Amino acid sequence: MPDHFIITVFVINALWLAWMTLWFILAFRAKKTVYRQPWSQRILYLLLGISAYFIMRWGHGLNLWSLPRSPATEAAGIVVCAAGMAWTVWARFTLGRNWSGLITLKENHELITSGPYRMTRHPIYTGMIIAVAGTMLALVPSVRGIFCWAVIATAFTIKLLQEEKLMLRQFPEAYPAYKAGVRARLIPFIW
């Protein structure tokens, strides 16, 4: 294994560890939960997330095509991963105490429409999908990486659709107005 790849693995792991540590610490600052989505509604996107891990870890049979691994693709992947994580952190701080990793309603839940929420309705998911794309580019630039990324993007899409139903119920007047002003769910100005 080339030295540059060992460094890349270390940097990607360090980015994800720092991100997870920040997420864990900030979770203690969230408001009290008054409603949590039942397990029966969460199971599909959770299973997809778990599947993506197994594809990443043991899906070597999917390496039908791959980009040549090089310091340039690895560096690009690190930059894309870090940019996606930075986007999620901006969105997370913008949400403040209203954040939850699961689809929930918080005590005195507020509809946040500032910061990255002016460009997409689900910027944390946008950032996660970008961070995973960077990780795949840096570590697994192959069909397996693309497939893993697609599974994760699908999981977040399912989750955001469920989340939007809850927001429409919670904010029956404000959320439709917000959706009309911010049409993009994930990709600014596109979708």
C-alpha atoms as a PDB file:
ATOM      1  CA  MET A   1       0.000   0.000   0.000  1.00  0.00           C
ATOM      2  CA  PRO A   2       1.551   3.339  -1.051  1.00  0.00           C
ATOM      3  CA  ASP A   3       2.403   5.883   1.635  1.00  0.00           C
ATOM      4  CA  HIS A   4       0.067   8.472   0.127  1.00  0.00           C
ATOM      5  CA  PHE A   5      -2.874   6.080   0.492  1.00  0.00           C
ATOM      6  CA  ILE A   6      -2.029   5.372   4.143  1.00  0.00           C
ATOM      7  CA  ILE A   7      -2.029   9.131   4.757  1.00  0.00           C
ATOM      8  CA  THR A   8      -5.340   9.471   2.900  1.00  0.00           C
ATOM      9  CA  VAL A   9      -6.961   6.742   5.013  1.00  0.00           C
ATOM     10  CA  PHE A  10      -5.672   8.457   8.158  1.00  0.00           C
ATOM     11  CA  VAL A  11      -6.987  11.894   7.089  1.00  0.00           C
ATOM     12  CA  ILE A  12     -10.426  10.571   6.056  1.00  0.00           C
ATOM     13  CA  ASN A  13     -10.731   8.628   9.322  1.00  0.00           C
ATOM     14  CA  ALA A  14      -9.657  11.696  11.303  1.00  0.00           C
ATOM     15  CA  LEU A  15     -12.249  13.858   9.521  1.00  0.00           C
ATOM     16  CA  TRP A  16     -15.050  11.385  10.265  1.00  0.00           C
ATOM     17  CA  LEU A  17     -13.922  10.930  13.876  1.00  0.00           C
ATOM     18  CA  ALA A  18     -13.812  14.702  14.457  1.00  0.00           C
ATOM     19  CA  TRP A  19     -17.229  15.081  12.811  1.00  0.00           C
ATOM     20  CA  MET A  20     -18.778  12.268  14.897  1.00  0.00           C
ATOM     21  CA  THR A  21     -17.261  13.688  18.092  1.00  0.00           C
ATOM     22  CA  LEU A  22     -18.715  17.124  17.369  1.00  0.00           C
ATOM     23  CA  TRP A  23     -22.118  15.592  16.558  1.00  0.00           C
ATOM     24  CA  PHE A  24     -22.036  13.580  19.795  1.00  0.00           C
ATOM     25  CA  ILE A  25     -21.141  16.607  21.926  1.00  0.00           C
ATOM     26  CA  LEU A  26     -23.757  18.835  20.278  1.00  0.00           C
ATOM     27  CA  ALA A  27     -26.458  16.186  20.771  1.00  0.00           C
ATOM     28  CA  PHE A  28     -26.463  17.005  24.489  1.00  0.00           C
ATOM     29  CA  ARG A  29     -27.489  20.592  23.706  1.00  0.00           C
ATOM     30  CA  ALA A  30     -30.690  19.669  21.854  1.00  0.00           C
ATOM     31  CA  LYS A  31     -34.139  20.516  23.183  1.00  0.00           C
ATOM     32  CA  LYS A  32     -36.272  17.871  24.819  1.00  0.00           C
ATOM     33  CA  THR A  33     -37.961  15.523  22.322  1.00  0.00           C
ATOM     34  CA  VAL A  34     -41.766  15.550  22.350  1.00  0.00           C
ATOM     35  CA  TYR A  35     -42.287  13.210  19.352  1.00  0.00           C
ATOM     36  CA  ARG A  36     -40.005  10.574  17.866  1.00  0.00           C
ATOM     37  CA  GLN A  37     -40.689   8.735  14.623  1.00  0.00           C
ATOM     38  CA  PRO A  38     -41.569   5.078  15.347  1.00  0.00           C
ATOM     39  CA  TRP A  39     -39.067   2.338  14.486  1.00  0.00           C
ATOM     40  CA  SER A  40     -41.384   0.940  11.831  1.00  0.00           C
ATOM     41  CA  GLN A  41     -40.933   4.139   9.812  1.00  0.00           C
ATOM     42  CA  ARG A  42     -37.155   4.360  10.379  1.00  0.00           C
ATOM     43  CA  ILE A  43     -36.233   0.806   9.473  1.00  0.00           C
ATOM     44  CA  LEU A  44     -35.893   1.257   5.698  1.00  0.00           C
ATOM     45  CA  TYR A  45     -33.389   4.121   5.712  1.00  0.00           C
ATOM     46  CA  LEU A  46     -31.481   2.568   8.622  1.00  0.00           C
ATOM     47  CA  LEU A  47     -31.170  -0.759   6.763  1.00  0.00           C
ATOM     48  CA  LEU A  48     -29.944   1.089   3.680  1.00  0.00           C
ATOM     49  CA  GLY A  49     -27.287   2.841   5.781  1.00  0.00           C
ATOM     50  CA  ILE A  50     -26.147  -0.480   7.250  1.00  0.00           C
ATOM     51  CA  SER A  51     -26.129  -2.028   3.763  1.00  0.00           C
ATOM     52  CA  ALA A  52     -23.882   0.770   2.509  1.00  0.00           C
ATOM     53  CA  TYR A  53     -21.372  -0.052   5.248  1.00  0.00           C
ATOM     54  CA  PHE A  54     -21.301  -3.724   4.233  1.00  0.00           C
ATOM     55  CA  ILE A  55     -20.960  -2.789   0.554  1.00  0.00           C
ATOM     56  CA  MET A  56     -18.056  -0.500   1.413  1.00  0.00           C
ATOM     57  CA  ARG A  57     -16.402  -3.073   3.637  1.00  0.00           C
ATOM     58  CA  TRP A  58     -16.959  -6.329   1.768  1.00  0.00           C
ATOM     59  CA  GLY A  59     -18.343  -5.492  -1.700  1.00  0.00           C
ATOM     60  CA  HIS A  60     -15.095  -6.181  -3.530  1.00  0.00           C
ATOM     61  CA  GLY A  61     -16.989  -8.060  -6.250  1.00  0.00           C
ATOM     62  CA  LEU A  62     -18.416  -4.702  -7.346  1.00  0.00           C
ATOM     63  CA  ASN A  63     -14.975  -3.408  -8.369  1.00  0.00           C
ATOM     64  CA  LEU A  64     -15.750  -3.905 -12.057  1.00  0.00           C
ATOM     65  CA  TRP A  65     -14.315  -0.529 -12.957  1.00  0.00           C
ATOM     66  CA  SER A  66     -12.265   1.933 -11.023  1.00  0.00           C
ATOM     67  CA  LEU A  67     -10.354   5.145 -11.375  1.00  0.00           C
ATOM     68  CA  PRO A  68      -6.631   4.769 -10.931  1.00  0.00           C
ATOM     69  CA  ARG A  69      -5.871   5.592  -7.311  1.00  0.00           C
ATOM     70  CA  SER A  70      -3.481   8.522  -7.179  1.00  0.00           C
ATOM     71  CA  PRO A  71      -2.491  11.317  -4.834  1.00  0.00           C
ATOM     72  CA  ALA A  72      -4.640  13.656  -6.976  1.00  0.00           C
ATOM     73  CA  THR A  73      -7.867  11.618  -6.649  1.00  0.00           C
ATOM     74  CA  GLU A  74      -7.185  11.058  -2.964  1.00  0.00           C
ATOM     75  CA  ALA A  75      -6.575  14.774  -2.337  1.00  0.00           C
ATOM     76  CA  ALA A  76      -9.710  15.682  -4.287  1.00  0.00           C
ATOM     77  CA  GLY A  77     -11.689  13.182  -2.220  1.00  0.00           C
ATOM     78  CA  ILE A  78     -10.366  14.652   1.027  1.00  0.00           C
ATOM     79  CA  VAL A  79     -11.321  18.181  -0.076  1.00  0.00           C
ATOM     80  CA  VAL A  80     -14.823  17.068  -1.139  1.00  0.00           C
ATOM     81  CA  CYS A  81     -15.305  15.132   2.121  1.00  0.00           C
ATOM     82  CA  ALA A  82     -14.176  18.091   4.233  1.00  0.00           C
ATOM     83  CA  ALA A  83     -16.408  20.483   2.254  1.00  0.00           C
ATOM     84  CA  GLY A  84     -19.444  18.238   2.806  1.00  0.00           C
ATOM     85  CA  MET A  85     -18.694  18.014   6.508  1.00  0.00           C
ATOM     86  CA  ALA A  86     -18.254  21.788   6.760  1.00  0.00           C
ATOM     87  CA  TRP A  87     -21.675  22.207   5.127  1.00  0.00           C
ATOM     88  CA  THR A  88     -23.255  19.850   7.689  1.00  0.00           C
ATOM     89  CA  VAL A  89     -21.612  21.687  10.578  1.00  0.00           C
ATOM     90  CA  TRP A  90     -22.901  25.040   9.305  1.00  0.00           C
ATOM     91  CA  ALA A  91     -26.396  23.565   9.011  1.00  0.00           C
ATOM     92  CA  ARG A  92     -26.140  21.909  12.432  1.00  0.00           C
ATOM     93  CA  PHE A  93     -25.152  25.151  14.152  1.00  0.00           C
ATOM     94  CA  THR A  94     -27.921  26.973  12.284  1.00  0.00           C
ATOM     95  CA  LEU A  95     -30.478  24.446  13.583  1.00  0.00           C
ATOM     96  CA  GLY A  96     -29.199  24.935  17.107  1.00  0.00           C
ATOM     97  CA  ARG A  97     -31.177  23.133  19.774  1.00  0.00           C
ATOM     98  CA  ASN A  98     -33.863  21.988  17.274  1.00  0.00           C
ATOM     99  CA  TRP A  99     -31.538  19.299  15.850  1.00  0.00           C
ATOM    100  CA  SER A 100     -32.027  15.563  16.174  1.00  0.00           C
ATOM    101  CA  GLY A 101     -30.412  12.622  14.410  1.00  0.00           C
ATOM    102  CA  LEU A 102     -33.817  10.984  14.132  1.00  0.00           C
ATOM    103  CA  ILE A 103     -37.013  12.440  12.761  1.00  0.00           C
ATOM    104  CA  THR A 104     -38.439  14.159  15.833  1.00  0.00           C
ATOM    105  CA  LEU A 105     -40.232  17.198  17.090  1.00  0.00           C
ATOM    106  CA  LYS A 106     -38.591  19.132  19.866  1.00  0.00           C
ATOM    107  CA  GLU A 107     -40.165  21.121  22.640  1.00  0.00           C
ATOM    108  CA  ASN A 108     -41.059  24.553  21.175  1.00  0.00           C
ATOM    109  CA  HIS A 109     -39.819  23.333  17.789  1.00  0.00           C
ATOM    110  CA  GLU A 110     -38.949  26.133  15.382  1.00  0.00           C
ATOM    111  CA  LEU A 111     -38.881  26.121  11.592  1.00  0.00           C
ATOM    112  CA  ILE A 112     -35.363  27.213  10.663  1.00  0.00           C
ATOM    113  CA  THR A 113     -35.061  29.034   7.328  1.00  0.00           C
ATOM    114  CA  SER A 114     -31.723  30.848   7.637  1.00  0.00           C
ATOM    115  CA  GLY A 115     -28.132  29.954   6.785  1.00  0.00           C
ATOM    116  CA  PRO A 116     -27.873  26.956   4.445  1.00  0.00           C
ATOM    117  CA  TYR A 117     -31.618  26.413   4.899  1.00  0.00           C
ATOM    118  CA  ARG A 118     -32.081  29.347   2.500  1.00  0.00           C
ATOM    119  CA  MET A 119     -30.568  27.197  -0.286  1.00  0.00           C
ATOM    120  CA  THR A 120     -31.817  23.683   0.476  1.00  0.00           C
ATOM    121  CA  ARG A 121     -34.448  22.348   2.844  1.00  0.00           C
ATOM    122  CA  HIS A 122     -32.180  19.532   4.043  1.00  0.00           C
ATOM    123  CA  PRO A 123     -28.610  20.860   4.045  1.00  0.00           C
ATOM    124  CA  ILE A 124     -27.310  18.339   6.587  1.00  0.00           C
ATOM    125  CA  TYR A 125     -28.281  15.524   4.222  1.00  0.00           C
ATOM    126  CA  THR A 126     -26.732  17.448   1.333  1.00  0.00           C
ATOM    127  CA  GLY A 127     -23.470  17.751   3.238  1.00  0.00           C
ATOM    128  CA  MET A 128     -23.512  14.100   4.257  1.00  0.00           C
ATOM    129  CA  ILE A 129     -24.033  12.958   0.675  1.00  0.00           C
ATOM    130  CA  ILE A 130     -21.152  15.206  -0.426  1.00  0.00           C
ATOM    131  CA  ALA A 131     -18.904  13.948   2.405  1.00  0.00           C
ATOM    132  CA  VAL A 132     -19.625  10.336   1.479  1.00  0.00           C
ATOM    133  CA  ALA A 133     -18.881  11.103  -2.187  1.00  0.00           C
ATOM    134  CA  GLY A 134     -15.517  12.535  -1.121  1.00  0.00           C
ATOM    135  CA  THR A 135     -14.805   9.516   1.029  1.00  0.00           C
ATOM    136  CA  MET A 136     -15.594   7.175  -1.858  1.00  0.00           C
ATOM    137  CA  LEU A 137     -13.433   9.199  -4.259  1.00  0.00           C
ATOM    138  CA  ALA A 138     -10.509   9.132  -1.830  1.00  0.00           C
ATOM    139  CA  LEU A 139     -10.758   5.510  -0.746  1.00  0.00           C
ATOM    140  CA  VAL A 140     -12.868   3.490  -3.191  1.00  0.00           C
ATOM    141  CA  PRO A 141     -12.958   5.240  -6.594  1.00  0.00           C
ATOM    142  CA  SER A 142     -14.840   2.367  -8.208  1.00  0.00           C
ATOM    143  CA  VAL A 143     -18.249   0.945  -9.043  1.00  0.00           C
ATOM    144  CA  ARG A 144     -18.391  -0.236  -5.422  1.00  0.00           C
ATOM    145  CA  GLY A 145     -17.874   3.339  -4.210  1.00  0.00           C
ATOM    146  CA  ILE A 146     -20.521   4.695  -6.583  1.00  0.00           C
ATOM    147  CA  PHE A 147     -22.960   1.967  -5.536  1.00  0.00           C
ATOM    148  CA  CYS A 148     -22.298   2.628  -1.838  1.00  0.00           C
ATOM    149  CA  TRP A 149     -22.805   6.367  -2.380  1.00  0.00           C
ATOM    150  CA  ALA A 150     -26.081   5.721  -4.261  1.00  0.00           C
ATOM    151  CA  VAL A 151     -27.412   3.557  -1.412  1.00  0.00           C
ATOM    152  CA  ILE A 152     -26.623   6.291   1.120  1.00  0.00           C
ATOM    153  CA  ALA A 153     -28.150   8.997  -1.086  1.00  0.00           C
ATOM    154  CA  THR A 154     -31.287   6.858  -1.380  1.00  0.00           C
ATOM    155  CA  ALA A 155     -31.443   6.428   2.413  1.00  0.00           C
ATOM    156  CA  PHE A 156     -31.232  10.191   2.942  1.00  0.00           C
ATOM    157  CA  THR A 157     -33.856  10.793   0.254  1.00  0.00           C
ATOM    158  CA  ILE A 158     -36.276   8.421   1.998  1.00  0.00           C
ATOM    159  CA  LYS A 159     -35.572  10.102   5.320  1.00  0.00           C
ATOM    160  CA  LEU A 160     -36.062  13.630   3.985  1.00  0.00           C
ATOM    161  CA  LEU A 161     -39.410  12.692   2.421  1.00  0.00           C
ATOM    162  CA  GLN A 162     -40.583  11.360   5.775  1.00  0.00           C
ATOM    163  CA  GLU A 163     -39.247  14.442   7.541  1.00  0.00           C
ATOM    164  CA  GLU A 164     -41.106  16.755   5.173  1.00  0.00           C
ATOM    165  CA  LYS A 165     -44.408  15.033   6.014  1.00  0.00           C
ATOM    166  CA  LEU A 166     -43.787  15.741   9.703  1.00  0.00           C
ATOM    167  CA  MET A 167     -42.833  19.367   9.027  1.00  0.00           C
ATOM    168  CA  LEU A 168     -46.027  19.849   6.993  1.00  0.00           C
ATOM    169  CA  ARG A 169     -48.044  18.503   9.925  1.00  0.00           C
ATOM    170  CA  GLN A 170     -46.196  20.621  12.479  1.00  0.00           C
ATOM    171  CA  PHE A 171     -46.112  23.827  10.412  1.00  0.00           C
ATOM    172  CA  PRO A 172     -49.202  23.599   8.148  1.00  0.00           C
ATOM    173  CA  GLU A 173     -48.937  27.220   6.996  1.00  0.00           C
ATOM    174  CA  ALA A 174     -45.256  28.072   7.376  1.00  0.00           C
ATOM    175  CA  TYR A 175     -43.754  24.935   5.788  1.00  0.00           C
ATOM    176  CA  PRO A 176     -45.640  25.188   2.459  1.00  0.00           C
ATOM    177  CA  ALA A 177     -44.529  28.829   2.245  1.00  0.00           C
ATOM    178  CA  TYR A 178     -40.943  27.785   3.028  1.00  0.00           C
ATOM    179  CA  LYS A 179     -41.105  25.032   0.364  1.00  0.00           C
ATOM    180  CA  ALA A 180     -42.361  27.570  -2.173  1.00  0.00           C
ATOM    181  CA  GLY A 181     -39.418  29.865  -1.383  1.00  0.00           C
ATOM    182  CA  VAL A 182     -36.774  27.131  -1.152  1.00  0.00           C
ATOM    183  CA  ARG A 183     -37.624  24.652  -3.878  1.00  0.00           C
ATOM    184  CA  ALA A 184     -34.430  22.589  -3.565  1.00  0.00           C
ATOM    185  CA  ARG A 185     -34.549  19.638  -1.203  1.00  0.00           C
ATOM    186  CA  LEU A 186     -30.866  18.665  -1.539  1.00  0.00           C
ATOM    187  CA  ILE A 187     -29.158  20.331  -4.483  1.00  0.00           C
ATOM    188  CA  PRO A 188     -29.284  24.151  -4.397  1.00  0.00           C
ATOM    189  CA  PHE A 189     -31.352  25.608  -7.253  1.00  0.00           C
ATOM    190  CA  ILE A 190     -31.881  22.137  -8.808  1.00  0.00           C
ATOM    191  CA  TRP A 191     -33.653  19.529  -6.631  1.00  0.00           C
END
